[in-house]
PDB file of N, CA and C in Angstrom:
ATOM      1  N   MET A   1      91.861 150.013  89.390  1.00  0.00           N
ATOM      2  CA  MET A   1      90.556 149.296  89.629  1.00  0.00           C
ATOM      3  C   MET A   1      91.039 147.897  90.291  1.00  0.00           C
ATOM      4  N   GLU A   2      90.261 147.658  91.148  1.00  0.00           N
ATOM      5  CA  GLU A   2      90.502 146.406  92.063  1.00  0.00           C
ATOM      6  C   GLU A   2      89.384 145.194  91.482  1.00  0.00           C
ATOM      7  N   THR A   3      90.154 143.993  91.153  1.00  0.00           N
ATOM      8  CA  THR A   3      89.276 142.828  90.714  1.00  0.00           C
ATOM      9  C   THR A   3      89.022 142.033  91.984  1.00  0.00           C
ATOM     10  N   LEU A   4      87.917 141.643  92.131  1.00  0.00           N
ATOM     11  CA  LEU A   4      87.492 140.891  93.220  1.00  0.00           C
ATOM     12  C   LEU A   4      87.492 139.228  92.469  1.00  0.00           C
ATOM     13  N   VAL A   5      87.975 138.441  93.163  1.00  0.00           N
ATOM     14  CA  VAL A   5      88.050 136.912  92.816  1.00  0.00           C
ATOM     15  C   VAL A   5      87.201 136.132  93.846  1.00  0.00           C
ATOM     16  N   LYS A   6      86.347 135.512  93.258  1.00  0.00           N
ATOM     17  CA  LYS A   6      85.456 134.630  94.188  1.00  0.00           C
ATOM     18  C   LYS A   6      86.459 133.393  94.602  1.00  0.00           C
ATOM     19  N   THR A   7      86.417 133.015  95.836  1.00  0.00           N
ATOM     20  CA  THR A   7      87.333 131.996  96.329  1.00  0.00           C
ATOM     21  C   THR A   7      86.678 130.835  96.679  1.00  0.00           C
ATOM     22  N   ASP A   8      85.293 130.768  96.688  1.00  0.00           N
ATOM     23  CA  ASP A   8      84.643 129.661  96.936  1.00  0.00           C
ATOM     24  C   ASP A   8      83.342 129.464  96.167  1.00  0.00           C
ATOM     25  N   GLN A   9      82.794 128.210  95.967  1.00  0.00           N
ATOM     26  CA  GLN A   9      81.717 127.942  95.278  1.00  0.00           C
ATOM     27  C   GLN A   9      81.039 126.695  95.830  1.00  0.00           C
ATOM     28  N   LYS A  10      79.622 126.871  95.903  1.00  0.00           N
ATOM     29  CA  LYS A  10      78.953 125.496  96.451  1.00  0.00           C
ATOM     30  C   LYS A  10      78.053 125.179  95.081  1.00  0.00           C
ATOM     31  N   ILE A  11      77.993 123.957  94.984  1.00  0.00           N
ATOM     32  CA  ILE A  11      77.209 123.208  93.875  1.00  0.00           C
ATOM     33  C   ILE A  11      76.307 122.313  94.658  1.00  0.00           C
ATOM     34  N   GLN A  12      74.983 122.558  94.458  1.00  0.00           N
ATOM     35  CA  GLN A  12      73.941 121.459  94.972  1.00  0.00           C
ATOM     36  C   GLN A  12      74.012 120.381  94.062  1.00  0.00           C
ATOM     37  N   LEU A  13      74.612 119.290  94.129  1.00  0.00           N
ATOM     38  CA  LEU A  13      74.833 118.181  93.502  1.00  0.00           C
ATOM     39  C   LEU A  13      73.708 117.256  93.551  1.00  0.00           C
ATOM     40  N   VAL A  14      73.103 117.114  94.698  1.00  0.00           N
ATOM     41  CA  VAL A  14      71.980 116.261  94.876  1.00  0.00           C
ATOM     42  C   VAL A  14      71.105 116.801  95.750  1.00  0.00           C
ATOM     43  N   ASP A  15      69.859 117.027  95.613  1.00  0.00           N
ATOM     44  CA  ASP A  15      68.722 117.492  96.544  1.00  0.00           C
ATOM     45  C   ASP A  15      67.441 117.098  96.235  1.00  0.00           C
ATOM     46  N   GLY A  16      67.071 115.954  97.028  1.00  0.00           N
ATOM     47  CA  GLY A  16      65.701 115.417  96.842  1.00  0.00           C
ATOM     48  C   GLY A  16      65.442 114.343  97.655  1.00  0.00           C
ATOM     49  N   THR A  17      64.251 113.830  97.626  1.00  0.00           N
ATOM     50  CA  THR A  17      63.748 112.691  98.280  1.00  0.00           C
ATOM     51  C   THR A  17      63.647 111.570  97.414  1.00  0.00           C
ATOM     52  N   PHE A  18      64.120 110.335  97.875  1.00  0.00           N
ATOM     53  CA  PHE A  18      64.022 109.266  96.928  1.00  0.00           C
ATOM     54  C   PHE A  18      63.602 108.053  97.638  1.00  0.00           C
ATOM     55  N   THR A  19      63.218 107.043  96.766  1.00  0.00           N
ATOM     56  CA  THR A  19      62.668 105.596  97.215  1.00  0.00           C
ATOM     57  C   THR A  19      64.212 105.005  97.398  1.00  0.00           C
ATOM     58  N   ALA A  20      64.098 103.926  97.970  1.00  0.00           N
ATOM     59  CA  ALA A  20      65.362 103.190  98.562  1.00  0.00           C
ATOM     60  C   ALA A  20      66.085 102.923  97.256  1.00  0.00           C
ATOM     61  N   SER A  21      65.492 102.231  96.188  1.00  0.00           N
ATOM     62  CA  SER A  21      65.983 102.012  94.960  1.00  0.00           C
ATOM     63  C   SER A  21      66.623 103.154  94.215  1.00  0.00           C
ATOM     64  N   GLU A  22      66.083 104.404  94.317  1.00  0.00           N
ATOM     65  CA  GLU A  22      66.410 105.451  93.579  1.00  0.00           C
ATOM     66  C   GLU A  22      67.717 106.035  94.399  1.00  0.00           C
ATOM     67  N   ALA A  23      67.536 106.179  95.721  1.00  0.00           N
ATOM     68  CA  ALA A  23      68.752 106.583  96.552  1.00  0.00           C
ATOM     69  C   ALA A  23      69.913 105.710  96.398  1.00  0.00           C
ATOM     70  N   LEU A  24      69.778 104.437  96.165  1.00  0.00           N
ATOM     71  CA  LEU A  24      71.001 103.639  96.025  1.00  0.00           C
ATOM     72  C   LEU A  24      71.579 103.886  94.636  1.00  0.00           C
ATOM     73  N   ASP A  25      70.593 103.993  93.693  1.00  0.00           N
ATOM     74  CA  ASP A  25      71.124 104.253  92.372  1.00  0.00           C
ATOM     75  C   ASP A  25      72.037 105.443  92.330  1.00  0.00           C
ATOM     76  N   VAL A  26      71.528 106.570  92.793  1.00  0.00           N
ATOM     77  CA  VAL A  26      72.161 107.927  92.933  1.00  0.00           C
ATOM     78  C   VAL A  26      73.530 107.743  93.576  1.00  0.00           C
ATOM     79  N   ILE A  27      73.471 107.225  94.961  1.00  0.00           N
ATOM     80  CA  ILE A  27      74.730 107.258  95.588  1.00  0.00           C
ATOM     81  C   ILE A  27      75.641 106.271  94.853  1.00  0.00           C
ATOM     82  N   THR A  28      75.169 105.043  94.397  1.00  0.00           N
ATOM     83  CA  THR A  28      76.172 104.340  93.712  1.00  0.00           C
ATOM     84  C   THR A  28      76.653 104.886  92.630  1.00  0.00           C
ATOM     85  N   ALA A  29      76.016 105.599  91.747  1.00  0.00           N
ATOM     86  CA  ALA A  29      76.422 106.321  90.499  1.00  0.00           C
ATOM     87  C   ALA A  29      77.712 107.470  90.923  1.00  0.00           C
ATOM     88  N   LEU A  30      77.299 108.129  91.939  1.00  0.00           N
ATOM     89  CA  LEU A  30      78.188 109.220  92.315  1.00  0.00           C
ATOM     90  C   LEU A  30      79.509 108.467  92.758  1.00  0.00           C
ATOM     91  N   LEU A  31      79.363 107.505  93.615  1.00  0.00           N
ATOM     92  CA  LEU A  31      80.752 106.921  94.201  1.00  0.00           C
ATOM     93  C   LEU A  31      81.258 106.200  93.078  1.00  0.00           C
ATOM     94  N   ASN A  32      80.732 105.537  92.132  1.00  0.00           N
ATOM     95  CA  ASN A  32      81.370 104.827  90.974  1.00  0.00           C
ATOM     96  C   ASN A  32      82.229 105.882  90.361  1.00  0.00           C
ATOM     97  N   GLU A  33      81.868 107.023  90.005  1.00  0.00           N
ATOM     98  CA  GLU A  33      82.380 108.032  89.244  1.00  0.00           C
ATOM     99  C   GLU A  33      83.610 108.430  89.938  1.00  0.00           C
ATOM    100  N   LYS A  34      83.638 108.593  91.237  1.00  0.00           N
ATOM    101  CA  LYS A  34      84.640 108.950  92.039  1.00  0.00           C
ATOM    102  C   LYS A  34      85.742 107.980  92.045  1.00  0.00           C
ATOM    103  N   ILE A  35      85.357 106.755  92.209  1.00  0.00           N
ATOM    104  CA  ILE A  35      86.198 105.548  92.150  1.00  0.00           C
ATOM    105  C   ILE A  35      86.909 105.609  90.704  1.00  0.00           C
ATOM    106  N   ASN A  36      86.200 105.563  89.652  1.00  0.00           N
ATOM    107  CA  ASN A  36      86.719 105.665  88.326  1.00  0.00           C
ATOM    108  C   ASN A  36      87.789 106.691  88.126  1.00  0.00           C
ATOM    109  N   PHE A  37      87.482 107.816  88.816  1.00  0.00           N
ATOM    110  CA  PHE A  37      88.373 108.995  88.604  1.00  0.00           C
ATOM    111  C   PHE A  37      89.799 108.466  89.219  1.00  0.00           C
ATOM    112  N   HIS A  38      89.760 107.825  90.514  1.00  0.00           N
ATOM    113  CA  HIS A  38      90.851 107.517  91.087  1.00  0.00           C
ATOM    114  C   HIS A  38      91.637 106.361  90.372  1.00  0.00           C
ATOM    115  N   LYS A  39      90.919 105.437  89.640  1.00  0.00           N
ATOM    116  CA  LYS A  39      91.474 104.441  88.926  1.00  0.00           C
ATOM    117  C   LYS A  39      92.208 104.821  87.695  1.00  0.00           C
ATOM    118  N   LEU A  40      91.521 106.026  87.051  1.00  0.00           N
ATOM    119  CA  LEU A  40      92.308 106.701  86.017  1.00  0.00           C
ATOM    120  C   LEU A  40      93.632 107.235  86.464  1.00  0.00           C
ATOM    121  N   GLN A  41      93.361 107.860  87.540  1.00  0.00           N
ATOM    122  CA  GLN A  41      94.441 108.879  88.082  1.00  0.00           C
ATOM    123  C   GLN A  41      95.716 107.776  88.190  1.00  0.00           C
ATOM    124  N   ARG A  42      95.266 106.552  88.939  1.00  0.00           N
ATOM    125  CA  ARG A  42      96.275 105.562  89.262  1.00  0.00           C
ATOM    126  C   ARG A  42      96.998 105.195  87.892  1.00  0.00           C
ATOM    127  N   LEU A  43      95.998 104.846  87.025  1.00  0.00           N
ATOM    128  CA  LEU A  43      96.733 104.127  85.640  1.00  0.00           C
ATOM    129  C   LEU A  43      97.560 105.408  85.027  1.00  0.00           C
ATOM    130  N   SER A  44      97.185 106.581  85.060  1.00  0.00           N
ATOM    131  CA  SER A  44      97.889 107.785  84.589  1.00  0.00           C
ATOM    132  C   SER A  44      99.335 107.718  85.207  1.00  0.00           C
ATOM    133  N   TRP A  45      99.506 107.529  86.524  1.00  0.00           N
ATOM    134  CA  TRP A  45     100.601 107.795  87.229  1.00  0.00           C
ATOM    135  C   TRP A  45     101.719 106.617  86.800  1.00  0.00           C
ATOM    136  N   CYS A  46     100.838 105.441  86.571  1.00  0.00           N
ATOM    137  CA  CYS A  46     101.744 104.349  86.367  1.00  0.00           C
ATOM    138  C   CYS A  46     102.262 104.222  84.796  1.00  0.00           C
ATOM    139  N   GLU A  47     101.730 105.066  83.891  1.00  0.00           N
ATOM    140  CA  GLU A  47     102.127 104.884  82.417  1.00  0.00           C
ATOM    141  C   GLU A  47     103.693 105.338  82.384  1.00  0.00           C
ATOM    142  N   GLY A  48     104.323 104.437  82.064  1.00  0.00           N
ATOM    143  CA  GLY A  48     105.782 104.751  81.919  1.00  0.00           C
ATOM    144  C   GLY A  48     106.651 104.574  83.147  1.00  0.00           C
ATOM    145  N   ASN A  49     105.741 104.452  84.252  1.00  0.00           N
ATOM    146  CA  ASN A  49     106.492 104.380  85.633  1.00  0.00           C
ATOM    147  C   ASN A  49     105.812 103.175  86.496  1.00  0.00           C
ATOM    148  N   ARG A  50     106.201 101.892  86.309  1.00  0.00           N
ATOM    149  CA  ARG A  50     105.557 100.964  87.018  1.00  0.00           C
ATOM    150  C   ARG A  50     105.707 100.981  88.368  1.00  0.00           C
ATOM    151  N   ASP A  51     106.797 101.727  88.702  1.00  0.00           N
ATOM    152  CA  ASP A  51     106.993 101.781  90.175  1.00  0.00           C
ATOM    153  C   ASP A  51     106.372 102.931  90.846  1.00  0.00           C
ATOM    154  N   ALA A  52     105.388 103.768  90.211  1.00  0.00           N
ATOM    155  CA  ALA A  52     105.042 104.966  90.677  1.00  0.00           C
ATOM    156  C   ALA A  52     104.142 104.622  92.062  1.00  0.00           C
ATOM    157  N   ASN A  53     104.280 105.594  92.977  1.00  0.00           N
ATOM    158  CA  ASN A  53     103.627 105.522  94.271  1.00  0.00           C
ATOM    159  C   ASN A  53     101.982 105.730  94.112  1.00  0.00           C
ATOM    160  N   THR A  54     101.185 104.913  94.031  1.00  0.00           N
ATOM    161  CA  THR A  54      99.734 104.739  94.079  1.00  0.00           C
ATOM    162  C   THR A  54      99.092 104.574  95.291  1.00  0.00           C
ATOM    163  N   LYS A  55      99.649 104.892  96.419  1.00  0.00           N
ATOM    164  CA  LYS A  55      99.316 104.622  97.715  1.00  0.00           C
ATOM    165  C   LYS A  55      97.939 105.523  97.937  1.00  0.00           C
ATOM    166  N   TYR A  56      97.841 106.800  97.431  1.00  0.00           N
ATOM    167  CA  TYR A  56      96.851 107.706  97.723  1.00  0.00           C
ATOM    168  C   TYR A  56      95.612 107.101  96.810  1.00  0.00           C
ATOM    169  N   PRO A  57      95.632 106.976  95.613  1.00  0.00           N
ATOM    170  CA  PRO A  57      94.401 106.548  94.722  1.00  0.00           C
ATOM    171  C   PRO A  57      94.009 105.296  95.266  1.00  0.00           C
ATOM    172  N   ASP A  58      95.037 104.278  95.470  1.00  0.00           N
ATOM    173  CA  ASP A  58      94.609 103.123  96.166  1.00  0.00           C
ATOM    174  C   ASP A  58      93.820 103.061  97.302  1.00  0.00           C
ATOM    175  N   GLY A  59      94.236 103.823  98.108  1.00  0.00           N
ATOM    176  CA  GLY A  59      93.516 104.234  99.665  1.00  0.00           C
ATOM    177  C   GLY A  59      92.191 104.813  99.357  1.00  0.00           C
ATOM    178  N   ARG A  60      91.989 105.743  98.385  1.00  0.00           N
ATOM    179  CA  ARG A  60      90.965 106.350  98.217  1.00  0.00           C
ATOM    180  C   ARG A  60      89.664 105.329  97.546  1.00  0.00           C
ATOM    181  N   ILE A  61      90.203 104.421  96.703  1.00  0.00           N
ATOM    182  CA  ILE A  61      89.414 103.462  95.897  1.00  0.00           C
ATOM    183  C   ILE A  61      88.826 102.728  97.053  1.00  0.00           C
ATOM    184  N   HIS A  62      89.743 102.120  98.097  1.00  0.00           N
ATOM    185  CA  HIS A  62      89.252 101.330  98.926  1.00  0.00           C
ATOM    186  C   HIS A  62      88.391 101.887 100.157  1.00  0.00           C
ATOM    187  N   GLU A  63      88.559 103.272 100.397  1.00  0.00           N
ATOM    188  CA  GLU A  63      87.520 103.952 101.203  1.00  0.00           C
ATOM    189  C   GLU A  63      86.288 104.245 100.461  1.00  0.00           C
ATOM    190  N   LEU A  64      86.298 104.512  99.362  1.00  0.00           N
ATOM    191  CA  LEU A  64      85.039 104.807  98.541  1.00  0.00           C
ATOM    192  C   LEU A  64      84.333 103.436  98.305  1.00  0.00           C
ATOM    193  N   GLU A  65      84.916 102.401  98.175  1.00  0.00           N
ATOM    194  CA  GLU A  65      84.165 101.087  98.121  1.00  0.00           C
ATOM    195  C   GLU A  65      83.534 100.616  99.284  1.00  0.00           C
ATOM    196  N   THR A  66      84.320 100.988 100.517  1.00  0.00           N
ATOM    197  CA  THR A  66      83.708 100.727 101.818  1.00  0.00           C
ATOM    198  C   THR A  66      82.522 101.595 102.016  1.00  0.00           C
ATOM    199  N   GLU A  67      82.500 102.911 101.641  1.00  0.00           N
ATOM    200  CA  GLU A  67      81.679 103.787 101.680  1.00  0.00           C
ATOM    201  C   GLU A  67      80.325 103.222 101.084  1.00  0.00           C
ATOM    202  N   LYS A  68      80.573 102.845  99.800  1.00  0.00           N
ATOM    203  CA  LYS A  68      79.503 102.173  98.940  1.00  0.00           C
ATOM    204  C   LYS A  68      78.847 101.215  99.596  1.00  0.00           C
ATOM    205  N   LEU A  69      79.523 100.160 100.252  1.00  0.00           N
ATOM    206  CA  LEU A  69      78.961  99.154 100.855  1.00  0.00           C
ATOM    207  C   LEU A  69      78.144  99.455 102.048  1.00  0.00           C
ATOM    208  N   ILE A  70      78.731 100.479 102.967  1.00  0.00           N
ATOM    209  CA  ILE A  70      78.023 101.089 104.084  1.00  0.00           C
ATOM    210  C   ILE A  70      76.698 101.697 103.740  1.00  0.00           C
ATOM    211  N   ALA A  71      76.911 102.388 102.488  1.00  0.00           N
ATOM    212  CA  ALA A  71      75.345 102.991 102.093  1.00  0.00           C
ATOM    213  C   ALA A  71      74.319 101.932 101.681  1.00  0.00           C
ATOM    214  N   LYS A  72      74.903 100.899 100.850  1.00  0.00           N
ATOM    215  CA  LYS A  72      73.965  99.869 100.469  1.00  0.00           C
ATOM    216  C   LYS A  72      73.368  99.009 101.440  1.00  0.00           C
ATOM    217  N   ASN A  73      74.114  98.912 102.424  1.00  0.00           N
ATOM    218  CA  ASN A  73      73.672  98.099 103.771  1.00  0.00           C
ATOM    219  C   ASN A  73      72.639  98.803 104.405  1.00  0.00           C
ATOM    220  N   PHE A  74      72.931 100.220 104.552  1.00  0.00           N
ATOM    221  CA  PHE A  74      71.876 101.082 105.277  1.00  0.00           C
ATOM    222  C   PHE A  74      70.586 101.218 104.402  1.00  0.00           C
ATOM    223  N   ILE A  75      70.873 101.409 103.181  1.00  0.00           N
ATOM    224  CA  ILE A  75      69.507 101.661 102.292  1.00  0.00           C
ATOM    225  C   ILE A  75      68.752 100.335 102.458  1.00  0.00           C
ATOM    226  N   ASN A  76      69.553  99.203 102.160  1.00  0.00           N
ATOM    227  CA  ASN A  76      68.767  98.013 102.262  1.00  0.00           C
ATOM    228  C   ASN A  76      67.965  97.713 103.636  1.00  0.00           C
ATOM    229  N   SER A  77      68.538  98.242 104.695  1.00  0.00           N
ATOM    230  CA  SER A  77      68.039  97.841 105.902  1.00  0.00           C
ATOM    231  C   SER A  77      66.704  98.610 106.147  1.00  0.00           C
ATOM    232  N   VAL A  78      66.564  99.699 105.594  1.00  0.00           N
ATOM    233  CA  VAL A  78      65.242 100.564 105.605  1.00  0.00           C
ATOM    234  C   VAL A  78      64.336 100.269 104.499  1.00  0.00           C
ATOM    235  N   ARG A  79      64.751  99.556 103.396  1.00  0.00           N
ATOM    236  CA  ARG A  79      64.032  99.276 102.117  1.00  0.00           C
ATOM    237  C   ARG A  79      62.574  98.707 102.480  1.00  0.00           C
ATOM    238  N   SER A  80      62.589  97.757 103.329  1.00  0.00           N
ATOM    239  CA  SER A  80      61.407  97.044 103.763  1.00  0.00           C
ATOM    240  C   SER A  80      60.303  97.725 104.382  1.00  0.00           C
ATOM    241  N   GLU A  81      60.708  98.990 105.001  1.00  0.00           N
ATOM    242  CA  GLU A  81      59.827  99.864 105.720  1.00  0.00           C
ATOM    243  C   GLU A  81      59.002 100.874 104.696  1.00  0.00           C
ATOM    244  N   GLY A  82      59.604 100.869 103.603  1.00  0.00           N
ATOM    245  CA  GLY A  82      59.026 101.500 102.579  1.00  0.00           C
ATOM    246  C   GLY A  82      59.104 103.199 102.702  1.00  0.00           C
ATOM    247  N   LYS A  83      60.161 103.472 103.562  1.00  0.00           N
ATOM    248  CA  LYS A  83      60.385 104.889 103.625  1.00  0.00           C
ATOM    249  C   LYS A  83      61.289 105.598 102.582  1.00  0.00           C
ATOM    250  N   ARG A  84      60.858 106.894 102.508  1.00  0.00           N
ATOM    251  CA  ARG A  84      61.813 107.548 101.344  1.00  0.00           C
ATOM    252  C   ARG A  84      63.016 108.178 102.241  1.00  0.00           C
ATOM    253  N   LEU A  85      64.042 108.202 101.300  1.00  0.00           N
ATOM    254  CA  LEU A  85      65.279 108.908 101.878  1.00  0.00           C
ATOM    255  C   LEU A  85      65.742 110.401 101.327  1.00  0.00           C
ATOM    256  N   ARG A  86      66.088 111.231 102.226  1.00  0.00           N
ATOM    257  CA  ARG A  86      66.396 112.544 101.637  1.00  0.00           C
ATOM    258  C   ARG A  86      67.918 112.510 101.593  1.00  0.00           C
ATOM    259  N   ILE A  87      68.241 113.112 100.463  1.00  0.00           N
ATOM    260  CA  ILE A  87      69.672 113.041 100.049  1.00  0.00           C
ATOM    261  C   ILE A  87      70.071 114.739  99.695  1.00  0.00           C
ATOM    262  N   ASP A  88      71.046 115.353 100.584  1.00  0.00           N
ATOM    263  CA  ASP A  88      71.159 116.587 100.268  1.00  0.00           C
ATOM    264  C   ASP A  88      72.873 116.766 100.319  1.00  0.00           C
ATOM    265  N   GLY A  89      73.222 116.802  99.055  1.00  0.00           N
ATOM    266  CA  GLY A  89      74.608 116.534  98.727  1.00  0.00           C
ATOM    267  C   GLY A  89      75.116 117.984  98.091  1.00  0.00           C
ATOM    268  N   ILE A  90      75.900 118.751  99.016  1.00  0.00           N
ATOM    269  CA  ILE A  90      76.575 119.777  98.400  1.00  0.00           C
ATOM    270  C   ILE A  90      77.910 119.837  98.182  1.00  0.00           C
ATOM    271  N   LEU A  91      78.605 120.223  97.106  1.00  0.00           N
ATOM    272  CA  LEU A  91      79.973 119.997  96.823  1.00  0.00           C
ATOM    273  C   LEU A  91      80.476 121.491  97.214  1.00  0.00           C
ATOM    274  N   ASN A  92      81.427 121.557  98.108  1.00  0.00           N
ATOM    275  CA  ASN A  92      81.941 122.863  98.378  1.00  0.00           C
ATOM    276  C   ASN A  92      83.412 122.973  97.836  1.00  0.00           C
ATOM    277  N   ILE A  93      83.523 123.891  97.169  1.00  0.00           N
ATOM    278  CA  ILE A  93      84.888 124.306  96.418  1.00  0.00           C
ATOM    279  C   ILE A  93      85.481 125.417  97.034  1.00  0.00           C
ATOM    280  N   THR A  94      86.765 125.362  97.407  1.00  0.00           N
ATOM    281  CA  THR A  94      87.424 126.523  98.148  1.00  0.00           C
ATOM    282  C   THR A  94      88.748 126.726  97.324  1.00  0.00           C
ATOM    283  N   LEU A  95      89.114 127.917  97.081  1.00  0.00           N
ATOM    284  CA  LEU A  95      90.561 128.205  96.648  1.00  0.00           C
ATOM    285  C   LEU A  95      91.636 128.056  97.922  1.00  0.00           C
ATOM    286  N   GLU A  96      92.581 127.340  97.440  1.00  0.00           N
ATOM    287  CA  GLU A  96      93.730 127.096  98.419  1.00  0.00           C
ATOM    288  C   GLU A  96      94.989 127.887  98.006  1.00  0.00           C
ATOM    289  N   ASP A  97      95.701 128.427  99.035  1.00  0.00           N
ATOM    290  CA  ASP A  97      96.954 129.217  98.733  1.00  0.00           C
ATOM    291  C   ASP A  97      98.134 128.359  98.455  1.00  0.00           C
TER     292      ASP A  97
END
């Protein structure tokens, strides 16, 4: 009997239309969670090893902070127009060999 293993999955993380304030809250919350993940990862790597190479989490934290600022600036630039923002965030998960 052959067993089939699903090798990919999609999760609809965000799907909706939001006011500027709501959109900023959603995006900021998602990015903050990912930033906190990398901060905890960095802390874990450094426990017992002050000289641990934290280049990857440091870089990702910086990238995500930059993306958060870009999103904030974009949303604030359209806020005065009273337009709503559509956010479609799909998380794609695939099995790697």
